[in-house]
Amino acid sequence: LMVAVCLGLTLLSLVPLMFTKDMHISLACLAIGFFFSEMTIGPMWAIPMDIAPDHCGTASGMMNTGSAMAAIVSPVAAGLLIDKFGNWQLPFLVSIVLLAIGVVLSFRMKPQNKFEYGQPAAPLTPGAEPSPVVSK
């Protein structure tokens, strides 16, 4: 719930950027948005430990890779949008849309549903591990 609330507040703090040209308002909105986006970091890193404690290192590595890729791609994509359309609001609009998607998807996270290892249907080959299944 905290992730959804903070993502939603980040989204709301970016909306005024679409309507203002005042630098001070823009600065305040960006600072507030950054504050709330940073509030999601702790819960997001805790979710893999709740869902798959045996594989939280792998899940955390995947999260880290995804965030690093976003940090590499997003400035280039924002620059391309600004160069192509001459509109500095487009990168913020894309951020608002992605935040809205994040709010919706964060309600689908179910940390109480843990990955469990069931009994395999067929005998395993030596050294193989069973596939994880999500409990309901």
N, C-alpha and C. Protein backbone atom coordinates (compact mmCIF):
# COMPACT_ATOMS: atom_id res chain seq x y z
N LEU A 1 0.83 -1.19 0.00
CA LEU A 1 0.00 0.00 0.00
C LEU A 1 0.87 1.26 0.00
N MET A 2 1.97 1.21 0.76
CA MET A 2 2.85 2.38 0.81
C MET A 2 3.43 2.70 -0.56
N VAL A 3 3.77 1.67 -1.31
CA VAL A 3 4.31 1.88 -2.65
C VAL A 3 3.28 2.58 -3.52
N ALA A 4 2.04 2.11 -3.50
CA ALA A 4 0.98 2.71 -4.32
C ALA A 4 0.73 4.15 -3.92
N VAL A 5 0.68 4.42 -2.62
CA VAL A 5 0.43 5.78 -2.14
C VAL A 5 1.55 6.71 -2.57
N CYS A 6 2.79 6.29 -2.37
CA CYS A 6 3.92 7.16 -2.71
C CYS A 6 4.05 7.36 -4.22
N LEU A 7 3.79 6.31 -5.00
CA LEU A 7 3.80 6.49 -6.46
C LEU A 7 2.69 7.45 -6.88
N GLY A 8 1.52 7.32 -6.26
CA GLY A 8 0.42 8.23 -6.57
C GLY A 8 0.74 9.67 -6.21
N LEU A 9 1.37 9.88 -5.05
CA LEU A 9 1.75 11.23 -4.66
C LEU A 9 2.84 11.79 -5.57
N THR A 10 3.74 10.94 -6.02
CA THR A 10 4.74 11.39 -6.99
C THR A 10 4.06 11.82 -8.28
N LEU A 11 3.11 11.02 -8.74
CA LEU A 11 2.35 11.35 -9.94
C LEU A 11 1.65 12.70 -9.78
N LEU A 12 0.97 12.90 -8.65
CA LEU A 12 0.26 14.15 -8.42
C LEU A 12 1.20 15.35 -8.36
N SER A 13 2.41 15.14 -7.86
CA SER A 13 3.35 16.26 -7.79
C SER A 13 3.90 16.64 -9.16
N LEU A 14 3.85 15.72 -10.13
CA LEU A 14 4.34 16.03 -11.47
C LEU A 14 3.27 16.67 -12.36
N VAL A 15 2.01 16.50 -12.01
CA VAL A 15 0.93 17.05 -12.84
C VAL A 15 1.04 18.57 -13.02
N PRO A 16 1.35 19.36 -11.98
CA PRO A 16 1.46 20.81 -12.19
C PRO A 16 2.54 21.20 -13.21
N LEU A 17 3.52 20.34 -13.44
CA LEU A 17 4.56 20.66 -14.43
C LEU A 17 3.97 20.78 -15.83
N MET A 18 2.82 20.17 -16.05
CA MET A 18 2.19 20.23 -17.37
C MET A 18 1.50 21.58 -17.60
N PHE A 19 1.28 22.35 -16.53
CA PHE A 19 0.48 23.56 -16.64
C PHE A 19 1.19 24.84 -16.23
N THR A 20 2.40 24.74 -15.72
CA THR A 20 3.08 25.94 -15.24
C THR A 20 4.36 26.20 -16.03
N LYS A 21 4.70 27.47 -16.08
CA LYS A 21 5.99 27.87 -16.66
C LYS A 21 6.87 28.50 -15.59
N ASP A 22 6.35 28.60 -14.37
CA ASP A 22 7.08 29.21 -13.26
C ASP A 22 8.16 28.26 -12.76
N MET A 23 9.40 28.75 -12.74
CA MET A 23 10.52 27.91 -12.35
C MET A 23 10.42 27.48 -10.88
N HIS A 24 9.94 28.36 -10.00
CA HIS A 24 9.88 28.04 -8.58
C HIS A 24 8.83 26.95 -8.31
N ILE A 25 7.71 27.03 -8.98
CA ILE A 25 6.68 25.99 -8.82
C ILE A 25 7.21 24.67 -9.37
N SER A 26 7.86 24.73 -10.52
CA SER A 26 8.43 23.52 -11.11
C SER A 26 9.46 22.88 -10.19
N LEU A 27 10.31 23.70 -9.61
CA LEU A 27 11.33 23.20 -8.68
C LEU A 27 10.69 22.55 -7.46
N ALA A 28 9.68 23.20 -6.89
CA ALA A 28 9.00 22.64 -5.72
C ALA A 28 8.32 21.32 -6.07
N CYS A 29 7.66 21.27 -7.22
CA CYS A 29 6.97 20.04 -7.63
C CYS A 29 7.96 18.90 -7.87
N LEU A 30 9.09 19.20 -8.49
CA LEU A 30 10.10 18.17 -8.72
C LEU A 30 10.69 17.67 -7.40
N ALA A 31 10.93 18.59 -6.45
CA ALA A 31 11.48 18.19 -5.15
C ALA A 31 10.49 17.30 -4.40
N ILE A 32 9.22 17.68 -4.42
CA ILE A 32 8.19 16.88 -3.74
C ILE A 32 8.08 15.51 -4.42
N GLY A 33 8.09 15.50 -5.74
CA GLY A 33 8.02 14.24 -6.48
C GLY A 33 9.20 13.34 -6.17
N PHE A 34 10.39 13.92 -6.10
CA PHE A 34 11.58 13.13 -5.78
C PHE A 34 11.48 12.55 -4.38
N PHE A 35 10.98 13.35 -3.44
CA PHE A 35 10.81 12.87 -2.06
C PHE A 35 9.92 11.64 -2.03
N PHE A 36 8.75 11.73 -2.66
CA PHE A 36 7.82 10.60 -2.61
C PHE A 36 8.32 9.40 -3.42
N SER A 37 9.03 9.65 -4.50
CA SER A 37 9.56 8.51 -5.26
C SER A 37 10.64 7.79 -4.45
N GLU A 38 11.40 8.53 -3.67
CA GLU A 38 12.42 7.90 -2.82
C GLU A 38 11.79 7.12 -1.67
N MET A 39 10.57 7.48 -1.27
CA MET A 39 9.88 6.77 -0.19
C MET A 39 9.49 5.35 -0.59
N THR A 40 9.51 5.04 -1.89
CA THR A 40 9.14 3.70 -2.34
C THR A 40 10.33 2.73 -2.32
N ILE A 41 11.53 3.25 -2.17
CA ILE A 41 12.71 2.40 -2.32
C ILE A 41 12.78 1.30 -1.26
N GLY A 42 12.60 1.64 0.00
CA GLY A 42 12.66 0.64 1.06
C GLY A 42 11.65 -0.49 0.87
N PRO A 43 10.37 -0.15 0.71
CA PRO A 43 9.39 -1.23 0.50
C PRO A 43 9.66 -2.06 -0.76
N MET A 44 10.12 -1.41 -1.83
CA MET A 44 10.36 -2.17 -3.07
C MET A 44 11.48 -3.19 -2.88
N TRP A 45 12.52 -2.84 -2.12
CA TRP A 45 13.61 -3.78 -1.89
C TRP A 45 13.22 -4.85 -0.89
N ALA A 46 12.21 -4.60 -0.06
CA ALA A 46 11.77 -5.60 0.91
C ALA A 46 10.85 -6.64 0.28
N ILE A 47 10.16 -6.30 -0.78
CA ILE A 47 9.19 -7.21 -1.40
C ILE A 47 9.83 -8.53 -1.83
N PRO A 48 11.00 -8.55 -2.50
CA PRO A 48 11.58 -9.85 -2.87
C PRO A 48 11.87 -10.74 -1.66
N MET A 49 12.24 -10.13 -0.53
CA MET A 49 12.49 -10.93 0.68
C MET A 49 11.21 -11.53 1.22
N ASP A 50 10.09 -10.83 1.02
CA ASP A 50 8.80 -11.35 1.48
C ASP A 50 8.28 -12.45 0.56
N ILE A 51 8.41 -12.25 -0.74
CA ILE A 51 7.82 -13.17 -1.71
C ILE A 51 8.66 -14.43 -1.90
N ALA A 52 9.94 -14.27 -2.08
CA ALA A 52 10.81 -15.42 -2.38
C ALA A 52 12.09 -15.33 -1.56
N PRO A 53 12.01 -15.64 -0.27
CA PRO A 53 13.20 -15.48 0.57
C PRO A 53 14.39 -16.31 0.11
N ASP A 54 14.13 -17.45 -0.53
CA ASP A 54 15.23 -18.29 -1.01
C ASP A 54 15.90 -17.72 -2.25
N HIS A 55 15.22 -16.82 -2.94
CA HIS A 55 15.75 -16.26 -4.18
C HIS A 55 15.74 -14.73 -4.17
N CYS A 56 15.81 -14.14 -2.98
CA CYS A 56 15.73 -12.68 -2.92
C CYS A 56 16.96 -12.03 -3.54
N GLY A 57 18.09 -12.70 -3.54
CA GLY A 57 19.28 -12.15 -4.20
C GLY A 57 19.09 -12.04 -5.69
N THR A 58 18.52 -13.07 -6.29
CA THR A 58 18.26 -13.05 -7.74
C THR A 58 17.23 -11.99 -8.07
N ALA A 59 16.15 -11.93 -7.29
CA ALA A 59 15.11 -10.93 -7.54
C ALA A 59 15.66 -9.52 -7.36
N SER A 60 16.48 -9.31 -6.34
CA SER A 60 17.07 -7.99 -6.11
C SER A 60 18.02 -7.62 -7.25
N GLY A 61 18.76 -8.60 -7.75
CA GLY A 61 19.64 -8.34 -8.89
C GLY A 61 18.86 -7.96 -10.13
N MET A 62 17.71 -8.61 -10.34
CA MET A 62 16.87 -8.25 -11.49
C MET A 62 16.31 -6.84 -11.33
N MET A 63 15.91 -6.49 -10.11
CA MET A 63 15.41 -5.13 -9.86
C MET A 63 16.52 -4.11 -10.10
N ASN A 64 17.71 -4.40 -9.62
CA ASN A 64 18.83 -3.49 -9.79
C ASN A 64 19.17 -3.31 -11.26
N THR A 65 19.16 -4.41 -12.02
CA THR A 65 19.43 -4.33 -13.45
C THR A 65 18.38 -3.49 -14.16
N GLY A 66 17.11 -3.71 -13.81
CA GLY A 66 16.03 -2.93 -14.42
C GLY A 66 16.16 -1.45 -14.13
N SER A 67 16.48 -1.11 -12.89
CA SER A 67 16.60 0.31 -12.57
C SER A 67 17.83 0.93 -13.22
N ALA A 68 18.91 0.17 -13.34
CA ALA A 68 20.10 0.68 -14.02
C ALA A 68 19.83 0.90 -15.51
N MET A 69 19.11 -0.04 -16.12
CA MET A 69 18.77 0.12 -17.54
C MET A 69 17.88 1.35 -17.74
N ALA A 70 16.93 1.56 -16.84
CA ALA A 70 16.06 2.74 -16.93
C ALA A 70 16.88 4.02 -16.77
N ALA A 71 17.86 3.99 -15.87
CA ALA A 71 18.70 5.18 -15.68
C ALA A 71 19.56 5.48 -16.90
N ILE A 72 19.89 4.46 -17.67
CA ILE A 72 20.67 4.66 -18.89
C ILE A 72 19.78 5.12 -20.04
N VAL A 73 18.63 4.50 -20.19
CA VAL A 73 17.77 4.75 -21.35
C VAL A 73 16.95 6.03 -21.21
N SER A 74 16.45 6.33 -20.01
CA SER A 74 15.51 7.44 -19.87
C SER A 74 16.08 8.81 -20.25
N PRO A 75 17.32 9.17 -19.90
CA PRO A 75 17.81 10.48 -20.34
C PRO A 75 17.93 10.57 -21.87
N VAL A 76 18.34 9.48 -22.49
CA VAL A 76 18.45 9.46 -23.96
C VAL A 76 17.07 9.58 -24.59
N ALA A 77 16.11 8.83 -24.06
CA ALA A 77 14.74 8.88 -24.59
C ALA A 77 14.13 10.26 -24.39
N ALA A 78 14.36 10.86 -23.22
CA ALA A 78 13.84 12.21 -22.97
C ALA A 78 14.46 13.21 -23.93
N GLY A 79 15.76 13.11 -24.15
CA GLY A 79 16.43 14.01 -25.10
C GLY A 79 15.90 13.85 -26.51
N LEU A 80 15.66 12.61 -26.92
CA LEU A 80 15.10 12.37 -28.25
C LEU A 80 13.70 12.96 -28.39
N LEU A 81 12.88 12.79 -27.35
CA LEU A 81 11.54 13.38 -27.38
C LEU A 81 11.60 14.90 -27.50
N ILE A 82 12.46 15.51 -26.71
CA ILE A 82 12.58 16.97 -26.73
C ILE A 82 13.11 17.44 -28.08
N ASP A 83 14.13 16.77 -28.62
CA ASP A 83 14.68 17.15 -29.93
C ASP A 83 13.65 16.99 -31.05
N LYS A 84 12.89 15.91 -31.01
CA LYS A 84 11.95 15.64 -32.10
C LYS A 84 10.74 16.56 -32.06
N PHE A 85 10.20 16.80 -30.86
CA PHE A 85 8.95 17.56 -30.75
C PHE A 85 9.13 18.96 -30.18
N GLY A 86 10.30 19.27 -29.63
CA GLY A 86 10.54 20.60 -29.08
C GLY A 86 9.67 20.91 -27.86
N ASN A 87 9.23 19.89 -27.17
CA ASN A 87 8.32 20.07 -26.04
C ASN A 87 8.96 19.45 -24.79
N TRP A 88 9.27 20.28 -23.82
CA TRP A 88 9.90 19.80 -22.59
C TRP A 88 8.91 19.11 -21.66
N GLN A 89 7.63 19.21 -21.95
CA GLN A 89 6.63 18.56 -21.10
C GLN A 89 6.46 17.07 -21.41
N LEU A 90 6.83 16.65 -22.60
CA LEU A 90 6.64 15.25 -22.99
C LEU A 90 7.35 14.25 -22.07
N PRO A 91 8.61 14.49 -21.69
CA PRO A 91 9.24 13.52 -20.77
C PRO A 91 8.49 13.40 -19.44
N PHE A 92 7.93 14.52 -18.97
CA PHE A 92 7.17 14.47 -17.73
C PHE A 92 5.84 13.77 -17.94
N LEU A 93 5.24 13.94 -19.10
CA LEU A 93 4.01 13.23 -19.42
C LEU A 93 4.25 11.71 -19.46
N VAL A 94 5.36 11.31 -20.05
CA VAL A 94 5.72 9.89 -20.07
C VAL A 94 5.91 9.38 -18.64
N SER A 95 6.57 10.18 -17.80
CA SER A 95 6.76 9.79 -16.40
C SER A 95 5.43 9.65 -15.68
N ILE A 96 4.50 10.57 -15.94
CA ILE A 96 3.18 10.51 -15.31
C ILE A 96 2.45 9.24 -15.73
N VAL A 97 2.51 8.90 -17.01
CA VAL A 97 1.85 7.68 -17.50
C VAL A 97 2.48 6.44 -16.86
N LEU A 98 3.81 6.40 -16.81
CA LEU A 98 4.49 5.25 -16.20
C LEU A 98 4.18 5.14 -14.70
N LEU A 99 4.08 6.28 -14.03
CA LEU A 99 3.71 6.25 -12.62
C LEU A 99 2.29 5.73 -12.43
N ALA A 100 1.38 6.13 -13.31
CA ALA A 100 0.00 5.64 -13.23
C ALA A 100 -0.03 4.12 -13.41
N ILE A 101 0.74 3.62 -14.36
CA ILE A 101 0.83 2.17 -14.56
C ILE A 101 1.41 1.51 -13.30
N GLY A 102 2.42 2.13 -12.71
CA GLY A 102 3.02 1.60 -11.49
C GLY A 102 2.05 1.56 -10.33
N VAL A 103 1.20 2.58 -10.21
CA VAL A 103 0.19 2.58 -9.14
C VAL A 103 -0.75 1.40 -9.32
N VAL A 104 -1.23 1.21 -10.55
CA VAL A 104 -2.15 0.10 -10.82
C VAL A 104 -1.48 -1.25 -10.55
N LEU A 105 -0.25 -1.41 -11.03
CA LEU A 105 0.44 -2.69 -10.85
C LEU A 105 0.82 -2.95 -9.39
N SER A 106 1.06 -1.88 -8.63
CA SER A 106 1.44 -2.10 -7.23
C SER A 106 0.29 -2.69 -6.41
N PHE A 107 -0.94 -2.49 -6.86
CA PHE A 107 -2.06 -3.14 -6.17
C PHE A 107 -2.12 -4.63 -6.48
N ARG A 108 -1.42 -5.06 -7.51
CA ARG A 108 -1.39 -6.49 -7.85
C ARG A 108 -0.29 -7.23 -7.09
N MET A 109 0.61 -6.51 -6.43
CA MET A 109 1.67 -7.16 -5.64
C MET A 109 1.03 -7.81 -4.42
N LYS A 110 1.36 -9.06 -4.21
CA LYS A 110 0.82 -9.81 -3.07
C LYS A 110 1.97 -10.42 -2.29
N PRO A 111 2.63 -9.62 -1.43
CA PRO A 111 3.77 -10.16 -0.69
C PRO A 111 3.40 -11.33 0.22
N GLN A 112 2.12 -11.44 0.59
CA GLN A 112 1.73 -12.56 1.45
C GLN A 112 1.72 -13.88 0.69
N ASN A 113 1.69 -13.85 -0.65
CA ASN A 113 1.76 -15.08 -1.46
C ASN A 113 3.22 -15.40 -1.72
N LYS A 114 3.71 -16.41 -1.05
CA LYS A 114 5.12 -16.77 -1.19
C LYS A 114 5.31 -17.84 -2.25
N PHE A 115 6.51 -17.86 -2.82
CA PHE A 115 6.86 -18.95 -3.73
C PHE A 115 7.12 -20.19 -2.88
N GLU A 116 6.53 -21.30 -3.29
CA GLU A 116 6.74 -22.57 -2.60
C GLU A 116 7.23 -23.59 -3.61
N TYR A 117 7.94 -24.58 -3.11
CA TYR A 117 8.43 -25.63 -3.98
C TYR A 117 7.57 -26.86 -3.77
N GLY A 118 6.77 -27.19 -4.79
CA GLY A 118 5.89 -28.35 -4.72
C GLY A 118 6.64 -29.61 -5.11
N GLN A 119 5.96 -30.72 -4.98
CA GLN A 119 6.54 -31.99 -5.40
C GLN A 119 6.46 -32.10 -6.92
N PRO A 120 7.53 -32.48 -7.57
CA PRO A 120 7.50 -32.59 -9.03
C PRO A 120 6.61 -33.75 -9.48
N ALA A 121 6.00 -33.58 -10.64
CA ALA A 121 5.13 -34.63 -11.19
C ALA A 121 5.95 -35.82 -11.67
N ALA A 122 7.12 -35.57 -12.21
CA ALA A 122 7.99 -36.63 -12.72
C ALA A 122 9.27 -36.64 -11.89
N PRO A 123 9.96 -37.78 -11.86
CA PRO A 123 11.23 -37.81 -11.13
C PRO A 123 12.22 -36.80 -11.73
N LEU A 124 12.95 -36.18 -10.85
CA LEU A 124 13.94 -35.20 -11.29
C LEU A 124 15.23 -35.89 -11.68
N THR A 125 15.92 -35.27 -12.59
CA THR A 125 17.26 -35.75 -12.90
C THR A 125 18.16 -35.34 -11.74
N PRO A 126 19.23 -36.06 -11.52
CA PRO A 126 20.10 -35.72 -10.39
C PRO A 126 20.60 -34.28 -10.50
N GLY A 127 20.49 -33.55 -9.40
CA GLY A 127 20.98 -32.18 -9.35
C GLY A 127 19.95 -31.14 -9.78
N ALA A 128 18.81 -31.54 -10.33
CA ALA A 128 17.79 -30.58 -10.77
C ALA A 128 16.94 -30.16 -9.58
N GLU A 129 16.41 -28.94 -9.64
CA GLU A 129 15.56 -28.44 -8.57
C GLU A 129 14.14 -28.30 -9.09
N PRO A 130 13.14 -28.45 -8.21
CA PRO A 130 11.75 -28.27 -8.66
C PRO A 130 11.48 -26.81 -9.00
N SER A 131 10.54 -26.58 -9.88
CA SER A 131 10.15 -25.22 -10.26
C SER A 131 9.31 -24.61 -9.15
N PRO A 132 9.46 -23.29 -8.93
CA PRO A 132 8.64 -22.65 -7.89
C PRO A 132 7.20 -22.50 -8.36
N VAL A 133 6.28 -22.55 -7.40
CA VAL A 133 4.87 -22.28 -7.68
C VAL A 133 4.42 -21.22 -6.69
N VAL A 134 3.49 -20.39 -7.09
CA VAL A 134 2.98 -19.34 -6.22
C VAL A 134 1.77 -19.88 -5.47
N SER A 135 1.79 -19.73 -4.15
CA SER A 135 0.64 -20.18 -3.36
C SER A 135 -0.45 -19.13 -3.41
N LYS A 136 -1.65 -19.55 -3.26
CA LYS A 136 -2.79 -18.62 -3.30
C LYS A 136 -3.27 -18.34 -1.90
